Amino acid sequence: MPETESRLILPPYARALGIELFEIKDGVPILTVAFGPSVEGRPQHYHGGATAGLLENAGYAALRARLIIEEREVQLKPINITVQYLSAGKSRPSFAKGRITRLGRRNANISVEAWQDDRDRPIATAIMNILMA
């Protein structure tokens, strides 16, 4: 998995928010972002856009990790992304992990969860449909 980790570079938007690779578990990257001014919305809470950005980047990271393993070089284009906000993200680190529910030749479907203290209590989820050209 070290090769996957070294080839899994986060885009500038993720880096601007402070999103980082936390770990790779069972071949799937888990991303994290610390609470701070770049992600704060109302006082002491994550902005919804920052939460959505974490979810989106975790989904793409999961897909890119799988494509690296399968040695597939494709360009990823979003078809749609649907975010569900379940509870407010508080002023502590957040984590997110994507799960590929379908990987075809031309498109992929990914579900993503973001959490803080307890992985079983997500603060937000997303469904992503990605075109692979």
Protein backbone atom coordinates (compact mmCIF):
# COMPACT_ATOMS: atom_id res chain seq x y z
CA MET A 1 0.00 0.00 0.00
CA PRO A 2 2.93 2.44 0.29
CA GLU A 3 2.85 2.93 -3.50
CA THR A 4 -0.82 3.88 -3.34
CA GLU A 5 -0.14 6.31 -0.51
CA SER A 6 2.70 8.01 -2.37
CA ARG A 7 0.59 8.34 -5.55
CA LEU A 8 -2.50 9.59 -3.72
CA ILE A 9 -1.98 13.35 -3.93
CA LEU A 10 -4.83 15.55 -2.73
CA PRO A 11 -5.91 18.43 -4.99
CA PRO A 12 -5.27 22.12 -4.17
CA TYR A 13 -8.84 22.59 -2.87
CA ALA A 14 -8.33 19.85 -0.27
CA ARG A 15 -5.01 21.33 0.76
CA ALA A 16 -6.59 24.81 1.05
CA LEU A 17 -9.13 23.42 3.52
CA GLY A 18 -6.38 21.61 5.44
CA ILE A 19 -7.57 18.14 4.46
CA GLU A 20 -4.90 15.46 4.91
CA LEU A 21 -4.51 11.73 4.53
CA PHE A 22 -5.03 10.24 8.02
CA GLU A 23 -4.41 6.59 7.15
CA ILE A 24 -5.09 3.90 4.61
CA LYS A 25 -7.15 1.09 6.12
CA ASP A 26 -7.94 -2.04 4.12
CA GLY A 27 -6.83 -0.24 0.96
CA VAL A 28 -9.17 2.72 1.50
CA PRO A 29 -7.89 6.20 2.42
CA ILE A 30 -9.33 7.94 5.46
CA LEU A 31 -9.05 11.71 5.25
CA THR A 32 -9.07 14.17 8.12
CA VAL A 33 -9.34 17.91 8.62
CA ALA A 34 -8.60 19.81 11.80
CA PHE A 35 -11.01 22.49 12.92
CA GLY A 36 -9.79 26.01 12.20
CA PRO A 37 -10.51 29.28 10.37
CA SER A 38 -10.43 27.68 6.90
CA VAL A 39 -13.40 25.41 7.73
CA GLU A 40 -15.34 27.46 10.30
CA GLY A 41 -18.86 28.60 9.48
CA ARG A 42 -20.88 29.79 12.44
CA PRO A 43 -18.75 30.08 15.58
CA GLN A 44 -17.22 26.77 16.69
CA HIS A 45 -18.88 24.76 13.89
CA TYR A 46 -17.84 23.49 10.47
CA HIS A 47 -19.19 25.31 7.44
CA GLY A 48 -21.42 23.04 5.37
CA GLY A 49 -19.24 23.61 2.32
CA ALA A 50 -16.16 22.46 4.22
CA THR A 51 -17.98 19.30 5.30
CA ALA A 52 -19.08 18.69 1.70
CA GLY A 53 -15.51 19.30 0.54
CA LEU A 54 -14.22 16.67 2.97
CA LEU A 55 -16.83 14.17 1.78
CA GLU A 56 -16.13 14.83 -1.90
CA ASN A 57 -12.36 14.53 -1.48
CA ALA A 58 -12.74 11.28 0.50
CA GLY A 59 -14.91 9.84 -2.27
CA TYR A 60 -12.42 10.76 -4.96
CA ALA A 61 -9.52 9.45 -2.83
CA ALA A 62 -11.25 6.07 -2.42
CA LEU A 63 -11.84 5.86 -6.16
CA ARG A 64 -8.30 6.95 -7.07
CA ALA A 65 -6.82 4.40 -4.62
CA ARG A 66 -8.81 1.59 -6.26
CA LEU A 67 -7.86 2.77 -9.76
CA ILE A 68 -4.17 2.83 -8.76
CA ILE A 69 -4.44 -0.76 -7.54
CA GLU A 70 -6.16 -1.78 -10.79
CA GLU A 71 -3.57 0.23 -12.79
CA ARG A 72 -6.27 2.22 -14.57
CA GLU A 73 -5.53 5.74 -15.82
CA VAL A 74 -8.76 7.70 -16.30
CA GLN A 75 -9.99 11.26 -15.98
CA LEU A 76 -12.68 11.65 -13.32
CA LYS A 77 -15.70 13.86 -14.00
CA PRO A 78 -18.53 14.31 -11.51
CA ILE A 79 -22.03 13.41 -12.66
CA ASN A 80 -23.64 14.35 -9.35
CA ILE A 81 -22.94 14.52 -5.65
CA THR A 82 -25.70 14.49 -3.03
CA VAL A 83 -24.83 15.45 0.54
CA GLN A 84 -26.97 14.77 3.61
CA TYR A 85 -26.11 16.78 6.72
CA LEU A 86 -26.99 14.72 9.79
CA SER A 87 -25.60 16.83 12.65
CA ALA A 88 -23.40 19.89 13.09
CA GLY A 89 -19.65 19.37 12.94
CA LYS A 90 -18.19 20.79 16.15
CA SER A 91 -14.77 22.33 16.79
CA ARG A 92 -12.70 19.13 16.67
CA PRO A 93 -11.16 17.00 13.90
CA SER A 94 -13.43 15.40 11.33
CA PHE A 95 -12.75 12.23 9.34
CA ALA A 96 -14.22 10.79 6.13
CA LYS A 97 -14.03 7.53 4.25
CA GLY A 98 -15.49 6.54 0.88
CA ARG A 99 -16.84 3.14 -0.14
CA ILE A 100 -17.14 2.19 -3.79
CA THR A 101 -20.54 0.63 -4.29
CA ARG A 102 -20.11 0.08 -8.04
CA LEU A 103 -17.07 0.36 -10.27
CA GLY A 104 -17.71 -0.11 -13.94
CA ARG A 105 -15.75 0.62 -17.07
CA ARG A 106 -17.17 4.12 -17.52
CA ASN A 107 -18.70 5.16 -14.20
CA ALA A 108 -18.44 4.66 -10.47
CA ASN A 109 -20.85 5.02 -7.57
CA ILE A 110 -19.42 5.91 -4.17
CA SER A 111 -20.95 6.39 -0.73
CA VAL A 112 -19.05 8.51 1.78
CA GLU A 113 -19.37 9.10 5.53
CA ALA A 114 -17.91 11.86 7.68
CA TRP A 115 -17.67 11.59 11.46
CA GLN A 116 -15.92 13.11 14.43
CA ASP A 117 -15.65 11.18 17.69
CA ASP A 118 -17.62 8.06 16.78
CA ARG A 119 -17.56 6.44 13.34
CA ASP A 120 -20.99 4.95 14.04
CA ARG A 121 -22.48 8.47 14.41
CA PRO A 122 -21.77 10.27 11.10
CA ILE A 123 -22.18 14.03 10.86
CA ALA A 124 -22.79 13.84 7.10
CA THR A 125 -22.99 11.37 4.22
CA ALA A 126 -22.76 11.68 0.47
CA ILE A 127 -23.55 9.69 -2.64
CA MET A 128 -21.32 10.36 -5.64
CA ASN A 129 -21.72 9.31 -9.28
CA ILE A 130 -18.52 9.75 -11.26
CA LEU A 131 -17.87 9.44 -15.00
CA MET A 132 -14.50 7.95 -15.90
CA ALA A 133 -13.30 9.13 -19.31
